[in-house]
Amino acid sequence: MPHLKPAALAAAFLIAVSSAALAETATGYVVLDVKDGTVLAQKNAERPFIPASVLKMPTALAVLDTLGAEHRFTTRVMHTGSVSNGVLEGDIVLVGGGDPMLDTPALEGMAKALAAAGVTRVTGRFLYDDSAVLHRDAIEARQPADASYNPGLAGLSLDFNRFKVRWNEGSPTGAEVPLDPLPVALTMPPEQSEVWVPVREPGRFTARMFHWLAAKQSITLPLPEPGPAPAEASELVRNESLPVAEILRRALIHSNNMTTDTVLIAAAQKALGRTVRLEEAGEWLAARTKE
């Protein structure tokens, strides 16, 4: 078989699949040579389609251009007061920086770092601040309410804002961690014995997880409550995300809605210089794409 350039190889693949498995489906595409605009392959090129996840491509380009490939999101543990004999005389605050890929191992690492700093107990409040991204219960209200790809959004997120629930004799339990109450609303058992369900309050969920992970490190924290870090608070522990370029690469591979929308909001907020809702971020992207 002769060697094919990437564009020609993509065209050959699209022609092959469109003439076979996709022959009877509503499919459309145009493959161009980016150097000179030559059309290499096309199908239903003039027919309008709902773009769906194809929109993740211009979104990724806009995010890269606005935030930069090396941009990282920071999650912090802040505190007031001082530590004496393991006791923090003051408040502790878990502050989200909009990291869409914060996972349980990273959050556990932050709990371990807190223990390494000598903290065993907090006398004040345990606050969580998820205001880096305006909270919404679901990405898209018109999508299924129980779809794991349609979770809530916030500036403090964990494990893509989804949670595995296992059904034991008709009662739901957390398959991964013993949270009570569970961070999801369930009305009846699904057909499967375990299922991923969307988290509607990501900030509270992440804070509850940190509370549990801290207890594993023999750190006693009050139950979390929402609130901003006091002005006098200073940083105690931090976690840096992967670079944006890698976040986007993984988001595109898995077509992850939560990740893509979260970084889009971050980019729009930087470009516009203010807090924006997801709809406003979409409007910013649309206007930018037309330029």
C-alpha atoms as a PDB file:
ATOM      1  CA  MET A   1       0.000   0.000   0.000  1.00  0.00           C
ATOM      2  CA  PRO A   2       1.495   3.392  -0.937  1.00  0.00           C
ATOM      3  CA  HIS A   3       2.298   5.862   1.836  1.00  0.00           C
ATOM      4  CA  LEU A   4      -0.505   8.365   2.410  1.00  0.00           C
ATOM      5  CA  LYS A   5      -0.174  11.813   3.932  1.00  0.00           C
ATOM      6  CA  PRO A   6      -2.344  12.327   7.053  1.00  0.00           C
ATOM      7  CA  ALA A   7      -5.012  14.322   5.205  1.00  0.00           C
ATOM      8  CA  ALA A   8      -5.248  11.742   2.418  1.00  0.00           C
ATOM      9  CA  LEU A   9      -5.350   8.925   4.966  1.00  0.00           C
ATOM     10  CA  ALA A  10      -8.186  10.657   6.815  1.00  0.00           C
ATOM     11  CA  ALA A  11     -10.045  11.097   3.538  1.00  0.00           C
ATOM     12  CA  ALA A  12      -9.616   7.441   2.634  1.00  0.00           C
ATOM     13  CA  PHE A  13     -10.905   6.395   6.053  1.00  0.00           C
ATOM     14  CA  LEU A  14     -13.961   8.623   5.838  1.00  0.00           C
ATOM     15  CA  ILE A  15     -14.798   7.400   2.346  1.00  0.00           C
ATOM     16  CA  ALA A  16     -14.486   3.797   3.512  1.00  0.00           C
ATOM     17  CA  VAL A  17     -16.695   4.124   6.583  1.00  0.00           C
ATOM     18  CA  SER A  18     -19.286   6.273   4.845  1.00  0.00           C
ATOM     19  CA  SER A  19     -19.720   3.667   2.129  1.00  0.00           C
ATOM     20  CA  ALA A  20     -20.145   0.885   4.655  1.00  0.00           C
ATOM     21  CA  ALA A  21     -21.409   1.209   8.243  1.00  0.00           C
ATOM     22  CA  LEU A  22     -22.471   4.842   7.914  1.00  0.00           C
ATOM     23  CA  ALA A  23     -24.118   4.509   4.509  1.00  0.00           C
ATOM     24  CA  GLU A  24     -27.647   4.621   5.926  1.00  0.00           C
ATOM     25  CA  THR A  25     -27.044   7.170   8.678  1.00  0.00           C
ATOM     26  CA  ALA A  26     -27.347  10.959   8.632  1.00  0.00           C
ATOM     27  CA  THR A  27     -23.684  11.813   8.241  1.00  0.00           C
ATOM     28  CA  GLY A  28     -21.899  14.783   6.800  1.00  0.00           C
ATOM     29  CA  TYR A  29     -18.297  15.921   6.558  1.00  0.00           C
ATOM     30  CA  VAL A  30     -15.780  17.828   4.487  1.00  0.00           C
ATOM     31  CA  VAL A  31     -12.061  17.020   4.598  1.00  0.00           C
ATOM     32  CA  LEU A  32      -9.759  19.802   3.415  1.00  0.00           C
ATOM     33  CA  ASP A  33      -6.051  20.000   2.787  1.00  0.00           C
ATOM     34  CA  VAL A  34      -5.086  22.763   5.212  1.00  0.00           C
ATOM     35  CA  LYS A  35      -2.280  23.964   2.950  1.00  0.00           C
ATOM     36  CA  ASP A  36      -4.307  24.897  -0.110  1.00  0.00           C
ATOM     37  CA  GLY A  37      -7.958  24.231   0.780  1.00  0.00           C
ATOM     38  CA  THR A  38      -8.364  21.336  -1.643  1.00  0.00           C
ATOM     39  CA  VAL A  39     -11.425  19.225  -0.832  1.00  0.00           C
ATOM     40  CA  LEU A  40     -10.180  15.679  -0.283  1.00  0.00           C
ATOM     41  CA  ALA A  41     -13.477  14.061   0.600  1.00  0.00           C
ATOM     42  CA  GLN A  42     -17.011  15.111   1.372  1.00  0.00           C
ATOM     43  CA  LYS A  43     -20.475  13.825   2.060  1.00  0.00           C
ATOM     44  CA  ASN A  44     -23.623  15.929   2.436  1.00  0.00           C
ATOM     45  CA  ALA A  45     -21.354  18.953   2.485  1.00  0.00           C
ATOM     46  CA  GLU A  46     -24.216  21.428   2.043  1.00  0.00           C
ATOM     47  CA  ARG A  47     -26.619  19.762   4.470  1.00  0.00           C
ATOM     48  CA  PRO A  48     -26.991  21.423   7.887  1.00  0.00           C
ATOM     49  CA  PHE A  49     -26.370  19.231  10.943  1.00  0.00           C
ATOM     50  CA  ILE A  50     -26.392  19.769  14.684  1.00  0.00           C
ATOM     51  CA  PRO A  51     -22.609  19.835  15.285  1.00  0.00           C
ATOM     52  CA  ALA A  52     -22.739  18.148  18.714  1.00  0.00           C
ATOM     53  CA  SER A  53     -19.260  17.232  19.975  1.00  0.00           C
ATOM     54  CA  VAL A  54     -17.594  18.592  16.845  1.00  0.00           C
ATOM     55  CA  LEU A  55     -17.898  21.945  18.653  1.00  0.00           C
ATOM     56  CA  LYS A  56     -15.214  20.730  21.045  1.00  0.00           C
ATOM     57  CA  MET A  57     -12.623  21.413  18.323  1.00  0.00           C
ATOM     58  CA  PRO A  58     -13.150  25.205  17.999  1.00  0.00           C
ATOM     59  CA  THR A  59     -13.609  25.285  21.774  1.00  0.00           C
ATOM     60  CA  ALA A  60     -10.196  23.693  22.291  1.00  0.00           C
ATOM     61  CA  LEU A  61      -8.571  26.135  19.877  1.00  0.00           C
ATOM     62  CA  ALA A  62     -10.136  29.129  21.626  1.00  0.00           C
ATOM     63  CA  VAL A  63      -9.058  27.862  25.052  1.00  0.00           C
ATOM     64  CA  LEU A  64      -5.495  27.237  23.881  1.00  0.00           C
ATOM     65  CA  ASP A  65      -5.264  30.671  22.314  1.00  0.00           C
ATOM     66  CA  THR A  66      -6.712  32.437  25.363  1.00  0.00           C
ATOM     67  CA  LEU A  67      -5.229  30.560  28.318  1.00  0.00           C
ATOM     68  CA  GLY A  68      -2.073  29.214  26.701  1.00  0.00           C
ATOM     69  CA  ALA A  69      -0.950  25.609  26.428  1.00  0.00           C
ATOM     70  CA  GLU A  70       0.965  25.683  29.725  1.00  0.00           C
ATOM     71  CA  HIS A  71      -1.771  27.241  31.859  1.00  0.00           C
ATOM     72  CA  ARG A  72      -2.571  25.264  35.002  1.00  0.00           C
ATOM     73  CA  PHE A  73      -5.478  25.413  37.440  1.00  0.00           C
ATOM     74  CA  THR A  74      -4.703  25.533  41.158  1.00  0.00           C
ATOM     75  CA  THR A  75      -6.677  23.997  44.017  1.00  0.00           C
ATOM     76  CA  ARG A  76      -5.691  25.351  47.431  1.00  0.00           C
ATOM     77  CA  VAL A  77      -6.143  24.706  51.113  1.00  0.00           C
ATOM     78  CA  MET A  78      -6.119  28.092  52.845  1.00  0.00           C
ATOM     79  CA  HIS A  79      -6.173  28.830  56.564  1.00  0.00           C
ATOM     80  CA  THR A  80      -6.466  31.530  59.172  1.00  0.00           C
ATOM     81  CA  GLY A  81      -4.805  31.450  62.553  1.00  0.00           C
ATOM     82  CA  SER A  82      -1.818  29.344  63.493  1.00  0.00           C
ATOM     83  CA  VAL A  83      -1.003  25.723  64.231  1.00  0.00           C
ATOM     84  CA  SER A  84       0.057  24.774  67.756  1.00  0.00           C
ATOM     85  CA  ASN A  85       0.569  21.179  68.859  1.00  0.00           C
ATOM     86  CA  GLY A  86      -1.362  19.961  65.812  1.00  0.00           C
ATOM     87  CA  VAL A  87      -4.360  22.232  66.423  1.00  0.00           C
ATOM     88  CA  LEU A  88      -5.215  24.909  63.869  1.00  0.00           C
ATOM     89  CA  GLU A  89      -6.752  27.775  65.816  1.00  0.00           C
ATOM     90  CA  GLY A  90      -8.778  29.221  62.973  1.00  0.00           C
ATOM     91  CA  ASP A  91     -10.605  28.364  59.773  1.00  0.00           C
ATOM     92  CA  ILE A  92      -9.573  26.087  56.942  1.00  0.00           C
ATOM     93  CA  VAL A  93     -10.822  26.673  53.379  1.00  0.00           C
ATOM     94  CA  LEU A  94     -10.738  24.397  50.326  1.00  0.00           C
ATOM     95  CA  VAL A  95     -10.572  26.783  47.364  1.00  0.00           C
ATOM     96  CA  GLY A  96     -11.260  25.522  43.864  1.00  0.00           C
ATOM     97  CA  GLY A  97      -9.499  27.076  40.912  1.00  0.00           C
ATOM     98  CA  GLY A  98     -11.621  25.498  38.204  1.00  0.00           C
ATOM     99  CA  ASP A  99      -9.511  22.368  37.689  1.00  0.00           C
ATOM    100  CA  PRO A 100     -11.782  20.027  35.664  1.00  0.00           C
ATOM    101  CA  MET A 101      -9.528  17.013  36.167  1.00  0.00           C
ATOM    102  CA  LEU A 102      -8.993  17.034  39.915  1.00  0.00           C
ATOM    103  CA  ASP A 103      -9.356  13.422  41.024  1.00  0.00           C
ATOM    104  CA  THR A 104      -9.513  11.529  44.283  1.00  0.00           C
ATOM    105  CA  PRO A 105      -5.776  10.610  44.370  1.00  0.00           C
ATOM    106  CA  ALA A 106      -4.838  14.286  43.946  1.00  0.00           C
ATOM    107  CA  LEU A 107      -7.296  15.355  46.643  1.00  0.00           C
ATOM    108  CA  GLU A 108      -5.937  12.640  48.923  1.00  0.00           C
ATOM    109  CA  GLY A 109      -2.452  13.989  48.259  1.00  0.00           C
ATOM    110  CA  MET A 110      -3.638  17.366  49.529  1.00  0.00           C
ATOM    111  CA  ALA A 111      -4.971  15.724  52.699  1.00  0.00           C
ATOM    112  CA  LYS A 112      -1.624  14.003  53.196  1.00  0.00           C
ATOM    113  CA  ALA A 113       0.178  17.307  52.705  1.00  0.00           C
ATOM    114  CA  LEU A 114      -2.084  18.876  55.326  1.00  0.00           C
ATOM    115  CA  ALA A 115      -1.123  16.107  57.739  1.00  0.00           C
ATOM    116  CA  ALA A 116       2.561  16.629  56.882  1.00  0.00           C
ATOM    117  CA  ALA A 117       2.112  20.298  57.805  1.00  0.00           C
ATOM    118  CA  GLY A 118       1.278  19.110  61.311  1.00  0.00           C
ATOM    119  CA  VAL A 119      -2.482  19.710  61.345  1.00  0.00           C
ATOM    120  CA  THR A 120      -4.570  17.208  63.294  1.00  0.00           C
ATOM    121  CA  ARG A 121      -7.591  19.299  64.278  1.00  0.00           C
ATOM    122  CA  VAL A 122      -9.315  22.568  63.328  1.00  0.00           C
ATOM    123  CA  THR A 123     -11.118  24.688  65.921  1.00  0.00           C
ATOM    124  CA  GLY A 124     -12.825  27.012  63.427  1.00  0.00           C
ATOM    125  CA  ARG A 125     -14.869  26.374  60.312  1.00  0.00           C
ATOM    126  CA  PHE A 126     -14.203  24.175  57.293  1.00  0.00           C
ATOM    127  CA  LEU A 127     -15.269  26.269  54.304  1.00  0.00           C
ATOM    128  CA  TYR A 128     -15.244  25.471  50.616  1.00  0.00           C
ATOM    129  CA  ASP A 129     -15.120  28.070  47.847  1.00  0.00           C
ATOM    130  CA  ASP A 130     -16.273  26.905  44.410  1.00  0.00           C
ATOM    131  CA  SER A 131     -16.940  30.381  42.977  1.00  0.00           C
ATOM    132  CA  ALA A 132     -14.250  30.205  40.262  1.00  0.00           C
ATOM    133  CA  VAL A 133     -17.007  28.757  38.059  1.00  0.00           C
ATOM    134  CA  LEU A 134     -20.632  29.728  38.631  1.00  0.00           C
ATOM    135  CA  HIS A 135     -22.523  26.732  39.978  1.00  0.00           C
ATOM    136  CA  ARG A 136     -25.124  25.039  37.805  1.00  0.00           C
ATOM    137  CA  ASP A 137     -26.984  21.831  38.588  1.00  0.00           C
ATOM    138  CA  ALA A 138     -26.492  20.318  35.120  1.00  0.00           C
ATOM    139  CA  ILE A 139     -24.639  21.188  31.945  1.00  0.00           C
ATOM    140  CA  GLU A 140     -27.785  20.981  29.832  1.00  0.00           C
ATOM    141  CA  ALA A 141     -31.263  20.849  31.386  1.00  0.00           C
ATOM    142  CA  ARG A 142     -32.699  19.234  28.249  1.00  0.00           C
ATOM    143  CA  GLN A 143     -30.385  16.228  28.568  1.00  0.00           C
ATOM    144  CA  PRO A 144     -31.321  13.216  30.764  1.00  0.00           C
ATOM    145  CA  ALA A 145     -31.148  14.168  34.432  1.00  0.00           C
ATOM    146  CA  ASP A 146     -29.447  10.891  35.397  1.00  0.00           C
ATOM    147  CA  ALA A 147     -26.815  10.902  32.609  1.00  0.00           C
ATOM    148  CA  SER A 148     -23.268  10.835  33.966  1.00  0.00           C
ATOM    149  CA  TYR A 149     -22.176  13.068  31.075  1.00  0.00           C
ATOM    150  CA  ASN A 150     -24.542  15.810  32.278  1.00  0.00           C
ATOM    151  CA  PRO A 151     -23.304  16.679  35.788  1.00  0.00           C
ATOM    152  CA  GLY A 152     -23.254  19.958  37.631  1.00  0.00           C
ATOM    153  CA  LEU A 153     -20.477  22.506  37.146  1.00  0.00           C
ATOM    154  CA  ALA A 154     -18.556  24.506  39.737  1.00  0.00           C
ATOM    155  CA  GLY A 155     -15.127  25.908  40.432  1.00  0.00           C
ATOM    156  CA  LEU A 156     -14.411  22.962  42.731  1.00  0.00           C
ATOM    157  CA  SER A 157     -14.936  19.600  41.032  1.00  0.00           C
ATOM    158  CA  LEU A 158     -13.858  16.012  41.552  1.00  0.00           C
ATOM    159  CA  ASP A 159     -13.704  12.910  39.366  1.00  0.00           C
ATOM    160  CA  PHE A 160     -15.555  14.635  36.508  1.00  0.00           C
ATOM    161  CA  ASN A 161     -18.475  15.290  38.886  1.00  0.00           C
ATOM    162  CA  ARG A 162     -19.816  11.777  38.718  1.00  0.00           C
ATOM    163  CA  PHE A 163     -20.197   9.189  41.442  1.00  0.00           C
ATOM    164  CA  LYS A 164     -20.524   5.410  41.339  1.00  0.00           C
ATOM    165  CA  VAL A 165     -23.504   4.083  43.258  1.00  0.00           C
ATOM    166  CA  ARG A 166     -23.987   0.419  44.118  1.00  0.00           C
ATOM    167  CA  TRP A 167     -27.339  -1.098  45.015  1.00  0.00           C
ATOM    168  CA  ASN A 168     -27.335  -3.485  47.984  1.00  0.00           C
ATOM    169  CA  GLU A 169     -30.711  -5.162  48.525  1.00  0.00           C
ATOM    170  CA  GLY A 170     -32.513  -2.108  47.182  1.00  0.00           C
ATOM    171  CA  SER A 171     -30.484   0.454  49.148  1.00  0.00           C
ATOM    172  CA  PRO A 172     -27.933   2.707  47.417  1.00  0.00           C
ATOM    173  CA  THR A 173     -24.402   2.951  48.802  1.00  0.00           C
ATOM    174  CA  GLY A 174     -21.253   4.614  47.559  1.00  0.00           C
ATOM    175  CA  ALA A 175     -19.207   1.989  45.779  1.00  0.00           C
ATOM    176  CA  GLU A 176     -15.999   3.981  46.244  1.00  0.00           C
ATOM    177  CA  VAL A 177     -16.387   5.974  49.471  1.00  0.00           C
ATOM    178  CA  PRO A 178     -18.821   5.789  52.417  1.00  0.00           C
ATOM    179  CA  LEU A 179     -20.449   9.221  52.064  1.00  0.00           C
ATOM    180  CA  ASP A 180     -23.695   9.730  53.962  1.00  0.00           C
ATOM    181  CA  PRO A 181     -25.849  11.179  52.590  1.00  0.00           C
ATOM    182  CA  LEU A 182     -24.871  10.309  49.057  1.00  0.00           C
ATOM    183  CA  PRO A 183     -24.059  13.315  46.829  1.00  0.00           C
ATOM    184  CA  VAL A 184     -26.716  12.325  44.285  1.00  0.00           C
ATOM    185  CA  ALA A 185     -30.499  12.118  44.245  1.00  0.00           C
ATOM    186  CA  LEU A 186     -31.897   8.691  43.392  1.00  0.00           C
ATOM    187  CA  THR A 187     -35.546   7.707  43.275  1.00  0.00           C
ATOM    188  CA  MET A 188     -35.388   4.059  42.241  1.00  0.00           C
ATOM    189  CA  PRO A 189     -32.789   1.384  41.515  1.00  0.00           C
ATOM    190  CA  PRO A 190     -31.444   1.261  37.962  1.00  0.00           C
ATOM    191  CA  GLU A 191     -31.305  -1.954  35.988  1.00  0.00           C
ATOM    192  CA  GLN A 192     -27.589  -2.395  36.718  1.00  0.00           C
ATOM    193  CA  SER A 193     -26.252  -3.325  40.140  1.00  0.00           C
ATOM    194  CA  GLU A 194     -23.953  -0.308  39.992  1.00  0.00           C
ATOM    195  CA  VAL A 195     -24.080   2.847  37.917  1.00  0.00           C
ATOM    196  CA  TRP A 196     -22.303   6.178  37.445  1.00  0.00           C
ATOM    197  CA  VAL A 197     -24.595   9.092  38.234  1.00  0.00           C
ATOM    198  CA  PRO A 198     -24.017  12.858  37.946  1.00  0.00           C
ATOM    199  CA  VAL A 199     -23.164  15.001  40.959  1.00  0.00           C
ATOM    200  CA  ARG A 200     -25.363  18.105  41.188  1.00  0.00           C
ATOM    201  CA  GLU A 201     -23.391  19.988  43.870  1.00  0.00           C
ATOM    202  CA  PRO A 202     -19.733  19.498  42.903  1.00  0.00           C
ATOM    203  CA  GLY A 203     -18.329  21.926  45.468  1.00  0.00           C
ATOM    204  CA  ARG A 204     -20.050  20.293  48.417  1.00  0.00           C
ATOM    205  CA  PHE A 205     -19.238  16.830  47.093  1.00  0.00           C
ATOM    206  CA  THR A 206     -15.526  17.643  46.791  1.00  0.00           C
ATOM    207  CA  ALA A 207     -15.456  19.176  50.258  1.00  0.00           C
ATOM    208  CA  ARG A 208     -17.182  16.129  51.739  1.00  0.00           C
ATOM    209  CA  MET A 209     -14.632  13.915  50.037  1.00  0.00           C
ATOM    210  CA  PHE A 210     -11.793  16.022  51.464  1.00  0.00           C
ATOM    211  CA  HIS A 211     -13.397  15.740  54.904  1.00  0.00           C
ATOM    212  CA  TRP A 212     -13.367  11.934  54.562  1.00  0.00           C
ATOM    213  CA  LEU A 213      -9.833  11.801  53.156  1.00  0.00           C
ATOM    214  CA  ALA A 214      -8.572  14.071  55.924  1.00  0.00           C
ATOM    215  CA  ALA A 215     -10.090  11.729  58.521  1.00  0.00           C
ATOM    216  CA  LYS A 216      -8.080   8.886  56.964  1.00  0.00           C
ATOM    217  CA  GLN A 217      -5.002  10.969  57.824  1.00  0.00           C
ATOM    218  CA  SER A 218      -6.217  11.394  61.425  1.00  0.00           C
ATOM    219  CA  ILE A 219      -7.246  15.006  60.798  1.00  0.00           C
ATOM    220  CA  THR A 220     -10.503  16.067  62.450  1.00  0.00           C
ATOM    221  CA  LEU A 221     -12.386  18.681  60.443  1.00  0.00           C
ATOM    222  CA  PRO A 222     -15.835  20.192  60.977  1.00  0.00           C
ATOM    223  CA  LEU A 223     -18.422  19.375  58.337  1.00  0.00           C
ATOM    224  CA  PRO A 224     -17.903  21.665  55.331  1.00  0.00           C
ATOM    225  CA  GLU A 225     -19.996  24.722  54.583  1.00  0.00           C
ATOM    226  CA  PRO A 226     -19.858  27.078  51.611  1.00  0.00           C
ATOM    227  CA  GLY A 227     -18.038  30.377  51.929  1.00  0.00           C
ATOM    228  CA  PRO A 228     -15.136  32.441  50.584  1.00  0.00           C
ATOM    229  CA  ALA A 229     -11.700  32.390  52.115  1.00  0.00           C
ATOM    230  CA  PRO A 230     -11.303  35.220  54.645  1.00  0.00           C
ATOM    231  CA  ALA A 231      -9.141  38.108  53.411  1.00  0.00           C
ATOM    232  CA  GLU A 232      -6.414  37.255  55.905  1.00  0.00           C
ATOM    233  CA  ALA A 233      -6.222  33.580  54.891  1.00  0.00           C
ATOM    234  CA  SER A 234      -2.917  32.234  53.623  1.00  0.00           C
ATOM    235  CA  GLU A 235      -2.066  29.187  51.556  1.00  0.00           C
ATOM    236  CA  LEU A 236      -1.174  25.978  53.324  1.00  0.00           C
ATOM    237  CA  VAL A 237      -1.413  23.309  50.582  1.00  0.00           C
ATOM    238  CA  ARG A 238      -1.840  23.454  46.801  1.00  0.00           C
ATOM    239  CA  ASN A 239      -2.369  21.136  43.867  1.00  0.00           C
ATOM    240  CA  GLU A 240      -1.515  22.139  40.295  1.00  0.00           C
ATOM    241  CA  SER A 241      -3.475  20.678  37.404  1.00  0.00           C
ATOM    242  CA  LEU A 242      -2.080  19.245  34.209  1.00  0.00           C
ATOM    243  CA  PRO A 243      -1.257  21.858  31.533  1.00  0.00           C
ATOM    244  CA  VAL A 244      -4.274  23.008  29.530  1.00  0.00           C
ATOM    245  CA  ALA A 245      -2.908  21.386  26.370  1.00  0.00           C
ATOM    246  CA  GLU A 246      -2.934  17.975  28.060  1.00  0.00           C
ATOM    247  CA  ILE A 247      -6.342  18.605  29.647  1.00  0.00           C
ATOM    248  CA  LEU A 248      -7.768  19.366  26.210  1.00  0.00           C
ATOM    249  CA  ARG A 249      -6.066  16.355  24.625  1.00  0.00           C
ATOM    250  CA  ARG A 250      -7.722  14.036  27.134  1.00  0.00           C
ATOM    251  CA  ALA A 251     -11.046  15.844  26.913  1.00  0.00           C
ATOM    252  CA  LEU A 252     -11.110  15.408  23.134  1.00  0.00           C
ATOM    253  CA  ILE A 253     -10.118  11.747  23.277  1.00  0.00           C
ATOM    254  CA  HIS A 254     -13.006  10.975  25.627  1.00  0.00           C
ATOM    255  CA  SER A 255     -15.341  13.737  24.347  1.00  0.00           C
ATOM    256  CA  ASN A 256     -15.819  14.886  27.935  1.00  0.00           C
ATOM    257  CA  ASN A 257     -18.498  17.574  28.268  1.00  0.00           C
ATOM    258  CA  MET A 258     -17.698  18.619  31.830  1.00  0.00           C
ATOM    259  CA  THR A 259     -14.001  19.188  31.125  1.00  0.00           C
ATOM    260  CA  THR A 260     -14.554  21.072  27.880  1.00  0.00           C
ATOM    261  CA  ASP A 261     -17.242  23.351  29.289  1.00  0.00           C
ATOM    262  CA  THR A 262     -15.253  24.129  32.432  1.00  0.00           C
ATOM    263  CA  VAL A 263     -12.135  25.235  30.552  1.00  0.00           C
ATOM    264  CA  LEU A 264     -14.295  27.166  28.068  1.00  0.00           C
ATOM    265  CA  ILE A 265     -15.746  29.161  30.959  1.00  0.00           C
ATOM    266  CA  ALA A 266     -12.234  29.828  32.282  1.00  0.00           C
ATOM    267  CA  ALA A 267     -11.110  31.108  28.888  1.00  0.00           C
ATOM    268  CA  ALA A 268     -14.175  33.312  28.438  1.00  0.00           C
ATOM    269  CA  GLN A 269     -13.742  34.760  31.923  1.00  0.00           C
ATOM    270  CA  LYS A 270     -10.136  35.660  31.197  1.00  0.00           C
ATOM    271  CA  ALA A 271     -11.030  37.216  27.838  1.00  0.00           C
ATOM    272  CA  LEU A 272     -14.021  39.173  29.156  1.00  0.00           C
ATOM    273  CA  GLY A 273     -12.527  40.046  32.529  1.00  0.00           C
ATOM    274  CA  ARG A 274     -15.566  38.963  34.536  1.00  0.00           C
ATOM    275  CA  THR A 275     -17.466  35.954  35.788  1.00  0.00           C
ATOM    276  CA  VAL A 276     -19.633  34.371  33.098  1.00  0.00           C
ATOM    277  CA  ARG A 277     -22.313  31.721  32.851  1.00  0.00           C
ATOM    278  CA  LEU A 278     -21.880  28.783  30.478  1.00  0.00           C
ATOM    279  CA  GLU A 279     -24.314  30.361  28.017  1.00  0.00           C
ATOM    280  CA  GLU A 280     -22.259  33.553  27.978  1.00  0.00           C
ATOM    281  CA  ALA A 281     -19.096  31.540  27.396  1.00  0.00           C
ATOM    282  CA  GLY A 282     -20.817  29.921  24.416  1.00  0.00           C
ATOM    283  CA  GLU A 283     -21.758  33.334  23.048  1.00  0.00           C
ATOM    284  CA  TRP A 284     -18.159  34.487  23.443  1.00  0.00           C
ATOM    285  CA  LEU A 285     -16.947  31.408  21.560  1.00  0.00           C
ATOM    286  CA  ALA A 286     -19.477  31.924  18.763  1.00  0.00           C
ATOM    287  CA  ALA A 287     -18.496  35.580  18.338  1.00  0.00           C
ATOM    288  CA  ARG A 288     -14.815  34.685  18.411  1.00  0.00           C
ATOM    289  CA  THR A 289     -15.253  31.923  15.825  1.00  0.00           C
ATOM    290  CA  LYS A 290     -16.936  34.322  13.394  1.00  0.00           C
ATOM    291  CA  GLU A 291     -14.003  36.767  13.505  1.00  0.00           C
END
